[in-house]
Amino acid sequence: MSTSTYYVKASIDASGNYAECSYFTDPACTQVAAQPLRIPQSAGVCNFVQAAASPLVLVGSVFKTLGHAPTLNSHNFTPANDEHIVAVGMPTSEIVTKGVVLMFSSPGEVTCLYPSSDPEVKNDDQ
C-alpha cells in the first residue's frame, strides 16, 4: 500500500539542539515507515503530520531536491498549517529524491526551533 502522508513524533535529542524523529504510516503511530520515505509519483505532494503524542510541535520544513544547487526561497520552504501539517511539493513528471528538514518548537510559546535530521522522500512508489 502506498501513501503520501507520514505521521511524525518528535522529541528533543540528548544534546538539546535537535528534534529526534520517528516516522509512521498510520495516525496511531503503530506502523513504522521505512526509509527513505516513498510516495507515488502521481501524488505531487508528501504530507508530514504531527502525531497526536508528539512532545514537540511541527512548525515547518525546508527541503532540497538532491543533485540540485542548494537555495532557500519560497519554493523550498513550507510552514505548517493550523492542523500541524507540512506539505512538501513533489514533481509528477519525473522521479526525484528530496532531503527534508522538519522544524519543531516546544508547545506554547516558541523559544527555540529544533531541526530534524533530513529524511529523504522519493516519489517512486507505485
Protein backbone atom coordinates (compact mmCIF):
# COMPACT_ATOMS: atom_id res chain seq x y z
CA MET A 1 0.00 0.00 0.00
CA SER A 2 1.48 3.35 -0.97
CA THR A 3 0.97 6.54 0.98
CA SER A 4 1.74 10.20 0.55
CA THR A 5 1.20 11.04 4.25
CA TYR A 6 3.60 10.34 7.10
CA TYR A 7 2.98 10.93 10.80
CA VAL A 8 5.90 12.19 12.86
CA LYS A 9 6.65 12.09 16.58
CA ALA A 10 9.46 14.40 17.67
CA SER A 11 11.25 14.98 20.93
CA ILE A 12 14.36 16.95 21.88
CA ASP A 13 17.53 14.89 21.44
CA ALA A 14 20.15 14.36 24.16
CA SER A 15 22.16 17.41 23.04
CA GLY A 16 19.13 19.68 23.42
CA ASN A 17 19.67 21.11 19.93
CA TYR A 18 17.79 18.85 17.53
CA ALA A 19 14.50 17.02 17.10
CA GLU A 20 14.74 13.27 17.25
CA CYS A 21 12.00 11.97 14.94
CA SER A 22 10.13 8.76 14.31
CA TYR A 23 8.00 8.38 11.16
CA PHE A 24 4.86 6.29 10.81
CA THR A 25 2.37 5.43 8.07
CA ASP A 26 -0.69 5.48 10.34
CA PRO A 27 -2.19 8.11 12.69
CA ALA A 28 -1.96 5.74 15.70
CA CYS A 29 1.82 5.52 15.10
CA THR A 30 1.94 1.72 15.13
CA GLN A 31 3.41 1.19 11.64
CA VAL A 32 7.00 2.47 11.41
CA ALA A 33 7.80 3.96 8.00
CA ALA A 34 10.74 2.56 6.05
CA GLN A 35 13.49 4.97 4.96
CA PRO A 36 13.71 6.57 2.51
CA LEU A 37 10.08 7.64 2.69
CA ARG A 38 8.32 6.84 -0.58
CA ILE A 39 5.24 8.32 -2.20
CA PRO A 40 3.53 7.63 -5.55
CA GLN A 41 4.94 9.69 -8.43
CA SER A 42 1.41 10.83 -9.21
CA ALA A 43 0.82 12.20 -5.67
CA GLY A 44 2.50 15.56 -6.25
CA VAL A 45 2.96 16.14 -2.50
CA CYS A 46 4.28 14.43 0.60
CA ASN A 47 2.44 15.40 3.78
CA PHE A 48 4.08 15.33 7.19
CA VAL A 49 1.54 15.34 10.02
CA GLN A 50 2.41 15.95 13.65
CA ALA A 51 1.41 12.84 15.60
CA ALA A 52 -1.04 13.38 18.46
CA ALA A 53 1.51 12.10 21.02
CA SER A 54 4.41 14.23 19.77
CA PRO A 55 6.13 16.23 22.56
CA LEU A 56 7.25 18.87 20.01
CA VAL A 57 5.09 20.95 17.65
CA LEU A 58 5.66 20.78 13.88
CA VAL A 59 6.05 24.35 12.58
CA GLY A 60 7.51 24.00 9.08
CA SER A 61 10.12 22.50 6.79
CA VAL A 62 12.89 23.30 4.37
CA PHE A 63 13.75 20.87 1.59
CA LYS A 64 16.02 20.41 -1.39
CA THR A 65 15.96 18.20 -4.45
CA LEU A 66 19.12 16.12 -4.23
CA GLY A 67 21.50 16.83 -7.09
CA HIS A 68 20.40 20.48 -7.44
CA ALA A 69 22.14 23.55 -6.06
CA PRO A 70 21.07 24.48 -2.51
CA THR A 71 18.93 27.61 -2.29
CA LEU A 72 16.41 28.97 0.17
CA ASN A 73 13.39 30.61 -1.40
CA SER A 74 9.62 30.31 -1.46
CA HIS A 75 9.89 27.08 -3.48
CA ASN A 76 11.71 25.08 -0.81
CA PHE A 77 10.21 26.31 2.46
CA THR A 78 6.78 25.36 3.78
CA PRO A 79 5.19 26.45 7.06
CA ALA A 80 2.87 24.06 8.87
CA ASN A 81 -0.84 24.81 8.62
CA ASP A 82 -3.19 25.18 11.60
CA GLU A 83 -3.51 21.38 11.82
CA HIS A 84 0.30 20.98 12.09
CA ILE A 85 0.64 19.53 8.59
CA VAL A 86 3.54 20.34 6.28
CA ALA A 87 3.09 19.68 2.55
CA VAL A 88 6.29 19.16 0.55
CA GLY A 89 5.65 19.50 -3.17
CA MET A 90 7.00 16.76 -5.43
CA PRO A 91 7.03 16.72 -9.23
CA THR A 92 4.77 14.27 -11.08
CA SER A 93 6.71 14.37 -14.35
CA GLU A 94 9.97 12.90 -13.04
CA ILE A 95 11.28 10.77 -10.19
CA VAL A 96 13.31 12.75 -7.64
CA THR A 97 14.59 12.47 -4.10
CA LYS A 98 14.26 15.40 -1.71
CA GLY A 99 16.06 15.90 1.56
CA VAL A 100 13.64 17.39 4.10
CA VAL A 101 14.46 19.14 7.37
CA LEU A 102 11.38 19.46 9.55
CA MET A 103 11.33 22.30 12.07
CA PHE A 104 9.77 21.86 15.52
CA SER A 105 9.23 24.01 18.59
CA SER A 106 8.17 23.44 22.15
CA PRO A 107 4.40 23.63 22.73
CA GLY A 108 3.04 27.06 23.61
CA GLU A 109 5.46 29.95 23.20
CA VAL A 110 8.19 29.39 20.63
CA THR A 111 11.52 29.91 22.39
CA CYS A 112 13.67 27.61 20.29
CA LEU A 113 13.48 25.78 16.96
CA TYR A 114 14.62 22.17 16.72
CA PRO A 115 15.54 20.86 13.24
CA SER A 116 15.18 17.19 12.39
CA SER A 117 17.74 15.09 10.61
CA ASP A 118 16.86 15.13 6.92
CA PRO A 119 14.71 12.19 5.94
CA GLU A 120 14.70 11.56 2.22
CA VAL A 121 11.43 11.48 0.28
CA LYS A 122 11.35 9.69 -3.05
CA ASN A 123 8.40 9.78 -5.45
CA ASP A 124 8.93 6.33 -6.95
CA ASP A 125 6.39 4.23 -5.05
CA GLN A 126 3.81 2.56 -7.28
